[in-house]
């Protein structure tokens, strides 16, 4: 059993499907099935049960997957330790990043970092902040960038503060918001809670939601086309857009602020490329606020 087998087992466990696994790791289905059968013969166990709906791992198969994940992590750490023995900052920086930050802020950050450290490669996965936290916790990535105030037991550093705005195509009276059509979008629990708390402090009636969409970007396009107002973080807003924006504030006039954090395990700083990236962001003195 070698590192190629570890990839087969862990990918198959995640996908639960022979066809999707073969496509993802770029081997033929017969080759994948043959290798799976060889592993079953080698260990004298049944790894998976096959059905029309996909595959189900046996308890013995799940134990083997855990071994494969542990060995994959151990091999990665060994490679990183070897690269870290020299003075040169090199290797692969693994990042888990909130999808919105990955789209609007991360490209310019990585561009500047790569200019300073040209021998560094990047492996970036994006998703909900909760997913990013889980990836950092399980050491799938070196470092995470999350939006919102979540519990994290290890190191974290503030990257950005951003305000929340009421956005509309035409000028509106914010005191009349409960009677106006609002466009609602799917978002993470942190932002939803922040907006809901602000609303409940300001209004006794619930919002009049006339449309629900899946993403912030889609929501903003609906606003641009005059289909209602939305409550959006400033990261999505462009001052050149023909929109009316009003800052969300508490009853005391304090702006509602959402924070973006960099999170990582303290032990990750032993890896030169991670330490260089953390220092790189700290030395910029929060240019993203």
C-alpha atoms as a PDB file:
ATOM      1  CA  UNK A   1       0.000   0.000   0.000  1.00  0.00           C
ATOM      2  CA  UNK A   2       1.506   3.339  -1.072  1.00  0.00           C
ATOM      3  CA  UNK A   3       0.580   7.003  -1.318  1.00  0.00           C
ATOM      4  CA  UNK A   4      -1.380   6.395  -4.544  1.00  0.00           C
ATOM      5  CA  UNK A   5      -3.590   3.961  -2.653  1.00  0.00           C
ATOM      6  CA  UNK A   6      -4.106   6.543   0.088  1.00  0.00           C
ATOM      7  CA  UNK A   7      -5.440   8.969  -2.516  1.00  0.00           C
ATOM      8  CA  UNK A   8      -7.769   6.324  -3.970  1.00  0.00           C
ATOM      9  CA  UNK A   9      -9.207   5.385  -0.588  1.00  0.00           C
ATOM     10  CA  UNK A  10      -9.689   8.915   0.774  1.00  0.00           C
ATOM     11  CA  UNK A  11     -11.160  10.236  -2.489  1.00  0.00           C
ATOM     12  CA  UNK A  12     -13.525   7.276  -2.814  1.00  0.00           C
ATOM     13  CA  UNK A  13     -14.616   7.777   0.783  1.00  0.00           C
ATOM     14  CA  UNK A  14     -15.415  11.436   0.084  1.00  0.00           C
ATOM     15  CA  UNK A  15     -17.148  10.826  -3.260  1.00  0.00           C
ATOM     16  CA  UNK A  16     -18.855   7.496  -2.459  1.00  0.00           C
ATOM     17  CA  UNK A  17     -18.838   6.829  -6.203  1.00  0.00           C
ATOM     18  CA  UNK A  18     -16.406   4.853  -8.412  1.00  0.00           C
ATOM     19  CA  UNK A  19     -16.998   6.966 -11.532  1.00  0.00           C
ATOM     20  CA  UNK A  20     -16.556  10.329  -9.803  1.00  0.00           C
ATOM     21  CA  UNK A  21     -13.462   9.095  -7.955  1.00  0.00           C
ATOM     22  CA  UNK A  22     -11.842   7.842 -11.168  1.00  0.00           C
ATOM     23  CA  UNK A  23     -12.516  11.173 -12.860  1.00  0.00           C
ATOM     24  CA  UNK A  24     -11.203  13.178  -9.925  1.00  0.00           C
ATOM     25  CA  UNK A  25      -7.885  11.329  -9.626  1.00  0.00           C
ATOM     26  CA  UNK A  26      -7.634  10.803 -13.390  1.00  0.00           C
ATOM     27  CA  UNK A  27      -7.436   7.043 -13.718  1.00  0.00           C
ATOM     28  CA  UNK A  28      -9.738   4.619 -15.511  1.00  0.00           C
ATOM     29  CA  UNK A  29     -12.600   2.966 -13.657  1.00  0.00           C
ATOM     30  CA  UNK A  30     -11.275  -0.554 -14.366  1.00  0.00           C
ATOM     31  CA  UNK A  31      -7.850   0.424 -12.982  1.00  0.00           C
ATOM     32  CA  UNK A  32      -9.423   1.870  -9.841  1.00  0.00           C
ATOM     33  CA  UNK A  33     -11.630  -1.183  -9.320  1.00  0.00           C
ATOM     34  CA  UNK A  34      -8.690  -3.544  -9.887  1.00  0.00           C
ATOM     35  CA  UNK A  35      -6.535  -1.705  -7.357  1.00  0.00           C
ATOM     36  CA  UNK A  36      -9.369  -1.763  -4.832  1.00  0.00           C
ATOM     37  CA  UNK A  37      -9.692  -5.522  -5.282  1.00  0.00           C
ATOM     38  CA  UNK A  38      -5.935  -5.917  -4.805  1.00  0.00           C
ATOM     39  CA  UNK A  39      -6.108  -4.008  -1.516  1.00  0.00           C
ATOM     40  CA  UNK A  40      -8.971  -6.202  -0.341  1.00  0.00           C
ATOM     41  CA  UNK A  41      -6.912  -9.299  -1.124  1.00  0.00           C
ATOM     42  CA  UNK A  42      -3.808  -7.833   0.514  1.00  0.00           C
ATOM     43  CA  UNK A  43      -5.600  -7.145   3.794  1.00  0.00           C
ATOM     44  CA  UNK A  44      -8.068 -10.003   3.582  1.00  0.00           C
ATOM     45  CA  UNK A  45     -11.083  -7.750   4.098  1.00  0.00           C
ATOM     46  CA  UNK A  46     -14.006  -6.214   2.223  1.00  0.00           C
ATOM     47  CA  UNK A  47     -13.373  -2.479   1.927  1.00  0.00           C
ATOM     48  CA  UNK A  48     -16.631  -1.383   0.292  1.00  0.00           C
ATOM     49  CA  UNK A  49     -20.032  -2.679  -0.670  1.00  0.00           C
ATOM     50  CA  UNK A  50     -21.159  -1.669  -4.153  1.00  0.00           C
ATOM     51  CA  UNK A  51     -24.690  -0.745  -5.211  1.00  0.00           C
ATOM     52  CA  UNK A  52     -26.427   1.309  -7.867  1.00  0.00           C
ATOM     53  CA  UNK A  53     -26.312   4.305  -5.566  1.00  0.00           C
ATOM     54  CA  UNK A  54     -22.555   4.110  -5.103  1.00  0.00           C
ATOM     55  CA  UNK A  55     -20.335   2.504  -2.487  1.00  0.00           C
ATOM     56  CA  UNK A  56     -20.616   2.064   1.264  1.00  0.00           C
ATOM     57  CA  UNK A  57     -17.508   1.521   3.358  1.00  0.00           C
ATOM     58  CA  UNK A  58     -17.332  -1.375   5.786  1.00  0.00           C
ATOM     59  CA  UNK A  59     -16.000  -0.768   9.320  1.00  0.00           C
ATOM     60  CA  UNK A  60     -12.702  -2.310   8.183  1.00  0.00           C
ATOM     61  CA  UNK A  61     -12.706  -0.017   5.131  1.00  0.00           C
ATOM     62  CA  UNK A  62     -13.315   3.051   7.295  1.00  0.00           C
ATOM     63  CA  UNK A  63     -10.396   2.043   9.518  1.00  0.00           C
ATOM     64  CA  UNK A  64      -8.194   1.785   6.422  1.00  0.00           C
ATOM     65  CA  UNK A  65      -9.341   5.232   5.273  1.00  0.00           C
ATOM     66  CA  UNK A  66      -8.336   6.687   8.636  1.00  0.00           C
ATOM     67  CA  UNK A  67      -4.891   5.117   8.211  1.00  0.00           C
ATOM     68  CA  UNK A  68      -4.667   6.572   4.685  1.00  0.00           C
ATOM     69  CA  UNK A  69      -5.563  10.067   5.935  1.00  0.00           C
ATOM     70  CA  UNK A  70      -3.020   9.849   8.758  1.00  0.00           C
ATOM     71  CA  UNK A  71      -0.286   8.687   6.409  1.00  0.00           C
ATOM     72  CA  UNK A  72      -1.116  11.380   3.836  1.00  0.00           C
ATOM     73  CA  UNK A  73      -0.848  14.044   6.529  1.00  0.00           C
ATOM     74  CA  UNK A  74       2.381  12.536   7.865  1.00  0.00           C
ATOM     75  CA  UNK A  75       3.918  12.455   4.365  1.00  0.00           C
ATOM     76  CA  UNK A  76       2.916  16.069   3.726  1.00  0.00           C
ATOM     77  CA  UNK A  77       4.422  17.201   7.033  1.00  0.00           C
ATOM     78  CA  UNK A  78       7.615  15.296   6.254  1.00  0.00           C
ATOM     79  CA  UNK A  79       7.947  17.016   2.869  1.00  0.00           C
ATOM     80  CA  UNK A  80       7.302  20.393   4.487  1.00  0.00           C
ATOM     81  CA  UNK A  81       9.905  19.714   7.176  1.00  0.00           C
ATOM     82  CA  UNK A  82      12.497  18.858   4.524  1.00  0.00           C
ATOM     83  CA  UNK A  83      11.726  22.039   2.578  1.00  0.00           C
ATOM     84  CA  UNK A  84      11.875  23.998   5.819  1.00  0.00           C
ATOM     85  CA  UNK A  85      15.450  22.924   6.574  1.00  0.00           C
ATOM     86  CA  UNK A  86      16.871  25.474   4.165  1.00  0.00           C
ATOM     87  CA  UNK A  87      16.837  29.254   4.466  1.00  0.00           C
ATOM     88  CA  UNK A  88      14.744  29.707   1.340  1.00  0.00           C
ATOM     89  CA  UNK A  89      10.998  30.263   1.631  1.00  0.00           C
ATOM     90  CA  UNK A  90       9.515  27.681  -0.712  1.00  0.00           C
ATOM     91  CA  UNK A  91       6.946  24.922  -0.952  1.00  0.00           C
ATOM     92  CA  UNK A  92       3.153  24.904  -1.166  1.00  0.00           C
ATOM     93  CA  UNK A  93       1.014  27.211   0.955  1.00  0.00           C
ATOM     94  CA  UNK A  94      -2.364  25.583   1.626  1.00  0.00           C
ATOM     95  CA  UNK A  95      -5.142  28.079   2.241  1.00  0.00           C
ATOM     96  CA  UNK A  96      -8.796  27.705   3.154  1.00  0.00           C
ATOM     97  CA  UNK A  97     -10.618  30.951   2.418  1.00  0.00           C
ATOM     98  CA  UNK A  98     -14.133  32.320   2.715  1.00  0.00           C
ATOM     99  CA  UNK A  99     -15.597  32.375  -0.809  1.00  0.00           C
ATOM    100  CA  UNK A 100     -16.323  36.106  -0.857  1.00  0.00           C
ATOM    101  CA  UNK A 101     -12.858  37.037   0.401  1.00  0.00           C
ATOM    102  CA  UNK A 102     -11.318  34.604  -2.093  1.00  0.00           C
ATOM    103  CA  UNK A 103     -13.069  36.371  -4.927  1.00  0.00           C
ATOM    104  CA  UNK A 104     -12.641  40.027  -3.984  1.00  0.00           C
ATOM    105  CA  UNK A 105      -9.450  40.260  -1.920  1.00  0.00           C
ATOM    106  CA  UNK A 106      -7.274  37.159  -2.149  1.00  0.00           C
ATOM    107  CA  UNK A 107      -5.975  37.448  -5.753  1.00  0.00           C
ATOM    108  CA  UNK A 108      -4.163  40.749  -5.123  1.00  0.00           C
ATOM    109  CA  UNK A 109      -2.765  39.425  -1.824  1.00  0.00           C
ATOM    110  CA  UNK A 110      -1.317  36.310  -3.455  1.00  0.00           C
ATOM    111  CA  UNK A 111       0.002  38.366  -6.355  1.00  0.00           C
ATOM    112  CA  UNK A 112       2.016  40.594  -3.997  1.00  0.00           C
ATOM    113  CA  UNK A 113       3.167  37.666  -1.862  1.00  0.00           C
ATOM    114  CA  UNK A 114       4.290  35.691  -4.908  1.00  0.00           C
ATOM    115  CA  UNK A 115       6.248  38.690  -6.150  1.00  0.00           C
ATOM    116  CA  UNK A 116       8.188  38.614  -2.882  1.00  0.00           C
ATOM    117  CA  UNK A 117       8.452  34.806  -2.670  1.00  0.00           C
ATOM    118  CA  UNK A 118       8.446  33.453  -6.253  1.00  0.00           C
ATOM    119  CA  UNK A 119       9.257  29.867  -5.213  1.00  0.00           C
ATOM    120  CA  UNK A 120       6.001  29.445  -3.288  1.00  0.00           C
ATOM    121  CA  UNK A 121       3.046  27.625  -4.837  1.00  0.00           C
ATOM    122  CA  UNK A 122      -0.564  27.930  -3.665  1.00  0.00           C
ATOM    123  CA  UNK A 123      -3.300  25.423  -3.005  1.00  0.00           C
ATOM    124  CA  UNK A 124      -6.530  27.328  -2.317  1.00  0.00           C
ATOM    125  CA  UNK A 125      -9.930  25.949  -1.354  1.00  0.00           C
ATOM    126  CA  UNK A 126     -12.888  28.249  -0.746  1.00  0.00           C
ATOM    127  CA  UNK A 127     -16.233  27.820   0.964  1.00  0.00           C
ATOM    128  CA  UNK A 128     -18.309  28.837   3.971  1.00  0.00           C
ATOM    129  CA  UNK A 129     -16.363  30.078   6.981  1.00  0.00           C
ATOM    130  CA  UNK A 130     -17.546  27.069   8.998  1.00  0.00           C
ATOM    131  CA  UNK A 131     -16.001  24.778   6.363  1.00  0.00           C
ATOM    132  CA  UNK A 132     -12.747  26.735   6.458  1.00  0.00           C
ATOM    133  CA  UNK A 133     -12.529  26.389  10.239  1.00  0.00           C
ATOM    134  CA  UNK A 134     -13.036  22.648   9.914  1.00  0.00           C
ATOM    135  CA  UNK A 135     -10.278  22.408   7.297  1.00  0.00           C
ATOM    136  CA  UNK A 136      -7.783  24.243   9.519  1.00  0.00           C
ATOM    137  CA  UNK A 137      -8.782  22.119  12.517  1.00  0.00           C
ATOM    138  CA  UNK A 138      -8.267  18.887  10.553  1.00  0.00           C
ATOM    139  CA  UNK A 139      -4.988  20.249   9.130  1.00  0.00           C
ATOM    140  CA  UNK A 140      -6.194  19.994   5.549  1.00  0.00           C
ATOM    141  CA  UNK A 141      -4.898  23.545   5.120  1.00  0.00           C
ATOM    142  CA  UNK A 142      -2.166  25.538   6.855  1.00  0.00           C
ATOM    143  CA  UNK A 143      -4.174  28.687   7.356  1.00  0.00           C
ATOM    144  CA  UNK A 144      -7.746  29.905   7.066  1.00  0.00           C
ATOM    145  CA  UNK A 145      -9.368  33.242   6.330  1.00  0.00           C
ATOM    146  CA  UNK A 146     -12.869  33.495   7.760  1.00  0.00           C
ATOM    147  CA  UNK A 147     -15.522  36.203   7.877  1.00  0.00           C
ATOM    148  CA  UNK A 148     -17.334  36.726  11.150  1.00  0.00           C
ATOM    149  CA  UNK A 149     -16.681  36.082  14.828  1.00  0.00           C
ATOM    150  CA  UNK A 150     -16.426  32.333  15.333  1.00  0.00           C
ATOM    151  CA  UNK A 151     -14.856  30.423  18.180  1.00  0.00           C
ATOM    152  CA  UNK A 152     -11.331  29.303  17.329  1.00  0.00           C
ATOM    153  CA  UNK A 153      -9.107  27.798  20.056  1.00  0.00           C
ATOM    154  CA  UNK A 154      -5.715  28.682  18.580  1.00  0.00           C
ATOM    155  CA  UNK A 155      -4.075  31.651  16.830  1.00  0.00           C
ATOM    156  CA  UNK A 156      -6.109  34.297  15.022  1.00  0.00           C
ATOM    157  CA  UNK A 157      -5.330  37.770  13.694  1.00  0.00           C
ATOM    158  CA  UNK A 158      -7.647  40.493  12.448  1.00  0.00           C
ATOM    159  CA  UNK A 159      -7.385  41.206   8.716  1.00  0.00           C
ATOM    160  CA  UNK A 160     -10.284  43.472   7.922  1.00  0.00           C
ATOM    161  CA  UNK A 161     -13.242  45.402   9.341  1.00  0.00           C
ATOM    162  CA  UNK A 162     -16.136  46.107   7.019  1.00  0.00           C
ATOM    163  CA  UNK A 163     -19.420  47.879   7.504  1.00  0.00           C
ATOM    164  CA  UNK A 164     -22.872  46.642   6.555  1.00  0.00           C
ATOM    165  CA  UNK A 165     -25.076  48.739   4.259  1.00  0.00           C
ATOM    166  CA  UNK A 166     -28.679  48.996   3.160  1.00  0.00           C
ATOM    167  CA  UNK A 167     -28.488  49.036  -0.626  1.00  0.00           C
ATOM    168  CA  UNK A 168     -31.199  50.075  -3.079  1.00  0.00           C
ATOM    169  CA  UNK A 169     -31.647  51.271  -6.646  1.00  0.00           C
ATOM    170  CA  UNK A 170     -33.646  54.301  -5.554  1.00  0.00           C
ATOM    171  CA  UNK A 171     -33.495  56.420  -2.439  1.00  0.00           C
ATOM    172  CA  UNK A 172     -35.553  54.953   0.403  1.00  0.00           C
ATOM    173  CA  UNK A 173     -36.515  55.860   3.957  1.00  0.00           C
ATOM    174  CA  UNK A 174     -34.833  53.322   6.249  1.00  0.00           C
ATOM    175  CA  UNK A 175     -37.520  53.883   8.868  1.00  0.00           C
ATOM    176  CA  UNK A 176     -39.946  52.362   6.368  1.00  0.00           C
ATOM    177  CA  UNK A 177     -37.867  49.228   5.668  1.00  0.00           C
ATOM    178  CA  UNK A 178     -40.390  46.745   7.149  1.00  0.00           C
ATOM    179  CA  UNK A 179     -42.876  47.847   4.468  1.00  0.00           C
ATOM    180  CA  UNK A 180     -40.430  47.645   1.545  1.00  0.00           C
ATOM    181  CA  UNK A 181     -39.500  44.614  -0.555  1.00  0.00           C
ATOM    182  CA  UNK A 182     -36.274  43.033   0.636  1.00  0.00           C
ATOM    183  CA  UNK A 183     -34.157  40.583  -1.341  1.00  0.00           C
ATOM    184  CA  UNK A 184     -32.820  37.843   0.898  1.00  0.00           C
ATOM    185  CA  UNK A 185     -29.701  35.785   0.117  1.00  0.00           C
ATOM    186  CA  UNK A 186     -28.241  32.599   1.526  1.00  0.00           C
ATOM    187  CA  UNK A 187     -25.232  33.289   3.742  1.00  0.00           C
ATOM    188  CA  UNK A 188     -23.307  31.915   6.698  1.00  0.00           C
ATOM    189  CA  UNK A 189     -24.678  31.935  10.238  1.00  0.00           C
ATOM    190  CA  UNK A 190     -22.340  34.727  11.372  1.00  0.00           C
ATOM    191  CA  UNK A 191     -23.575  37.359   8.915  1.00  0.00           C
ATOM    192  CA  UNK A 192     -27.188  36.228   9.230  1.00  0.00           C
ATOM    193  CA  UNK A 193     -27.007  36.639  13.011  1.00  0.00           C
ATOM    194  CA  UNK A 194     -25.334  40.050  12.711  1.00  0.00           C
ATOM    195  CA  UNK A 195     -28.032  41.378  10.362  1.00  0.00           C
ATOM    196  CA  UNK A 196     -30.894  39.789  12.307  1.00  0.00           C
ATOM    197  CA  UNK A 197     -29.676  41.292  15.574  1.00  0.00           C
ATOM    198  CA  UNK A 198     -29.445  44.731  13.984  1.00  0.00           C
ATOM    199  CA  UNK A 199     -32.946  44.385  12.530  1.00  0.00           C
ATOM    200  CA  UNK A 200     -34.547  43.281  15.815  1.00  0.00           C
ATOM    201  CA  UNK A 201     -32.962  46.233  17.611  1.00  0.00           C
ATOM    202  CA  UNK A 202     -34.312  48.723  15.084  1.00  0.00           C
ATOM    203  CA  UNK A 203     -37.691  47.276  14.068  1.00  0.00           C
ATOM    204  CA  UNK A 204     -40.573  45.509  15.791  1.00  0.00           C
ATOM    205  CA  UNK A 205     -41.996  44.080  12.533  1.00  0.00           C
ATOM    206  CA  UNK A 206     -40.291  41.374  10.447  1.00  0.00           C
ATOM    207  CA  UNK A 207     -38.819  42.242   7.032  1.00  0.00           C
ATOM    208  CA  UNK A 208     -40.996  41.967   3.932  1.00  0.00           C
ATOM    209  CA  UNK A 209     -38.987  39.405   1.943  1.00  0.00           C
ATOM    210  CA  UNK A 210     -40.149  39.382  -1.667  1.00  0.00           C
ATOM    211  CA  UNK A 211     -37.339  37.283  -3.149  1.00  0.00           C
ATOM    212  CA  UNK A 212     -34.788  34.706  -2.008  1.00  0.00           C
ATOM    213  CA  UNK A 213     -31.573  34.012  -3.919  1.00  0.00           C
ATOM    214  CA  UNK A 214     -28.586  31.765  -3.356  1.00  0.00           C
ATOM    215  CA  UNK A 215     -25.692  34.254  -3.400  1.00  0.00           C
ATOM    216  CA  UNK A 216     -24.785  37.813  -2.433  1.00  0.00           C
ATOM    217  CA  UNK A 217     -23.694  38.637  -5.976  1.00  0.00           C
ATOM    218  CA  UNK A 218     -27.050  37.517  -7.374  1.00  0.00           C
ATOM    219  CA  UNK A 219     -28.794  39.558  -4.712  1.00  0.00           C
ATOM    220  CA  UNK A 220     -26.902  42.705  -5.692  1.00  0.00           C
ATOM    221  CA  UNK A 221     -27.816  42.227  -9.363  1.00  0.00           C
ATOM    222  CA  UNK A 222     -31.467  42.035  -8.378  1.00  0.00           C
ATOM    223  CA  UNK A 223     -31.074  45.309  -6.471  1.00  0.00           C
ATOM    224  CA  UNK A 224     -29.374  46.932  -9.465  1.00  0.00           C
ATOM    225  CA  UNK A 225     -32.432  45.998 -11.510  1.00  0.00           C
ATOM    226  CA  UNK A 226     -34.773  47.670  -9.032  1.00  0.00           C
ATOM    227  CA  UNK A 227     -36.398  44.534  -7.632  1.00  0.00           C
ATOM    228  CA  UNK A 228     -35.969  45.486  -3.987  1.00  0.00           C
ATOM    229  CA  UNK A 229     -33.421  46.506  -1.393  1.00  0.00           C
ATOM    230  CA  UNK A 230     -30.768  44.340   0.310  1.00  0.00           C
ATOM    231  CA  UNK A 231     -28.506  44.455   3.339  1.00  0.00           C
ATOM    232  CA  UNK A 232     -24.965  43.783   2.128  1.00  0.00           C
ATOM    233  CA  UNK A 233     -21.381  43.920   3.410  1.00  0.00           C
ATOM    234  CA  UNK A 234     -19.179  46.611   1.908  1.00  0.00           C
ATOM    235  CA  UNK A 235     -16.866  44.085   0.219  1.00  0.00           C
ATOM    236  CA  UNK A 236     -19.461  43.739  -2.571  1.00  0.00           C
ATOM    237  CA  UNK A 237     -19.974  47.427  -3.168  1.00  0.00           C
ATOM    238  CA  UNK A 238     -18.318  49.597  -5.793  1.00  0.00           C
ATOM    239  CA  UNK A 239     -18.515  53.400  -5.342  1.00  0.00           C
ATOM    240  CA  UNK A 240     -18.943  53.770  -9.102  1.00  0.00           C
ATOM    241  CA  UNK A 241     -22.197  51.803  -9.105  1.00  0.00           C
ATOM    242  CA  UNK A 242     -25.435  53.736  -9.407  1.00  0.00           C
ATOM    243  CA  UNK A 243     -26.854  52.613  -6.069  1.00  0.00           C
ATOM    244  CA  UNK A 244     -28.059  54.259  -2.887  1.00  0.00           C
ATOM    245  CA  UNK A 245     -26.274  52.991   0.205  1.00  0.00           C
ATOM    246  CA  UNK A 246     -27.026  53.701   3.849  1.00  0.00           C
ATOM    247  CA  UNK A 247     -24.803  52.545   6.688  1.00  0.00           C
ATOM    248  CA  UNK A 248     -26.376  50.147   9.199  1.00  0.00           C
ATOM    249  CA  UNK A 249     -25.985  51.605  12.675  1.00  0.00           C
ATOM    250  CA  UNK A 250     -27.274  50.732  16.120  1.00  0.00           C
ATOM    251  CA  UNK A 251     -29.771  52.949  17.920  1.00  0.00           C
ATOM    252  CA  UNK A 252     -26.751  54.711  19.447  1.00  0.00           C
ATOM    253  CA  UNK A 253     -25.332  55.468  16.009  1.00  0.00           C
ATOM    254  CA  UNK A 254     -22.527  52.870  16.137  1.00  0.00           C
ATOM    255  CA  UNK A 255     -21.793  51.294  12.716  1.00  0.00           C
ATOM    256  CA  UNK A 256     -22.488  47.568  12.422  1.00  0.00           C
ATOM    257  CA  UNK A 257     -19.136  45.967  11.645  1.00  0.00           C
ATOM    258  CA  UNK A 258     -18.140  42.532  10.405  1.00  0.00           C
ATOM    259  CA  UNK A 259     -14.609  41.257  10.945  1.00  0.00           C
ATOM    260  CA  UNK A 260     -12.426  39.042   8.791  1.00  0.00           C
ATOM    261  CA  UNK A 261      -9.868  36.881  10.593  1.00  0.00           C
ATOM    262  CA  UNK A 262      -6.814  34.854   9.704  1.00  0.00           C
ATOM    263  CA  UNK A 263      -6.743  31.637  11.757  1.00  0.00           C
ATOM    264  CA  UNK A 264      -4.048  28.983  12.095  1.00  0.00           C
ATOM    265  CA  UNK A 265      -2.470  26.527  14.480  1.00  0.00           C
ATOM    266  CA  UNK A 266       0.503  27.856  16.416  1.00  0.00           C
ATOM    267  CA  UNK A 267       2.585  24.869  15.319  1.00  0.00           C
ATOM    268  CA  UNK A 268       2.086  25.899  11.687  1.00  0.00           C
ATOM    269  CA  UNK A 269       4.456  28.821  12.224  1.00  0.00           C
ATOM    270  CA  UNK A 270       7.270  26.271  12.270  1.00  0.00           C
ATOM    271  CA  UNK A 271       6.743  25.988   8.500  1.00  0.00           C
ATOM    272  CA  UNK A 272       8.687  28.776   6.830  1.00  0.00           C
ATOM    273  CA  UNK A 273       6.125  29.495   4.100  1.00  0.00           C
ATOM    274  CA  UNK A 274       3.311  29.827   6.645  1.00  0.00           C
ATOM    275  CA  UNK A 275       5.356  32.094   8.905  1.00  0.00           C
ATOM    276  CA  UNK A 276       6.324  34.224   5.903  1.00  0.00           C
ATOM    277  CA  UNK A 277       2.676  34.588   4.854  1.00  0.00           C
ATOM    278  CA  UNK A 278       1.515  35.508   8.359  1.00  0.00           C
ATOM    279  CA  UNK A 279       4.311  38.100   8.692  1.00  0.00           C
ATOM    280  CA  UNK A 280       3.518  39.393   5.211  1.00  0.00           C
ATOM    281  CA  UNK A 281      -0.085  40.158   6.143  1.00  0.00           C
ATOM    282  CA  UNK A 282       0.836  41.629   9.533  1.00  0.00           C
ATOM    283  CA  UNK A 283       3.428  43.970   8.039  1.00  0.00           C
ATOM    284  CA  UNK A 284       0.850  45.459   5.668  1.00  0.00           C
ATOM    285  CA  UNK A 285      -0.916  46.982   8.701  1.00  0.00           C
ATOM    286  CA  UNK A 286      -4.404  45.934   7.705  1.00  0.00           C
ATOM    287  CA  UNK A 287      -4.572  47.515   4.226  1.00  0.00           C
ATOM    288  CA  UNK A 288      -7.885  45.713   3.562  1.00  0.00           C
ATOM    289  CA  UNK A 289      -9.952  47.613   6.101  1.00  0.00           C
END
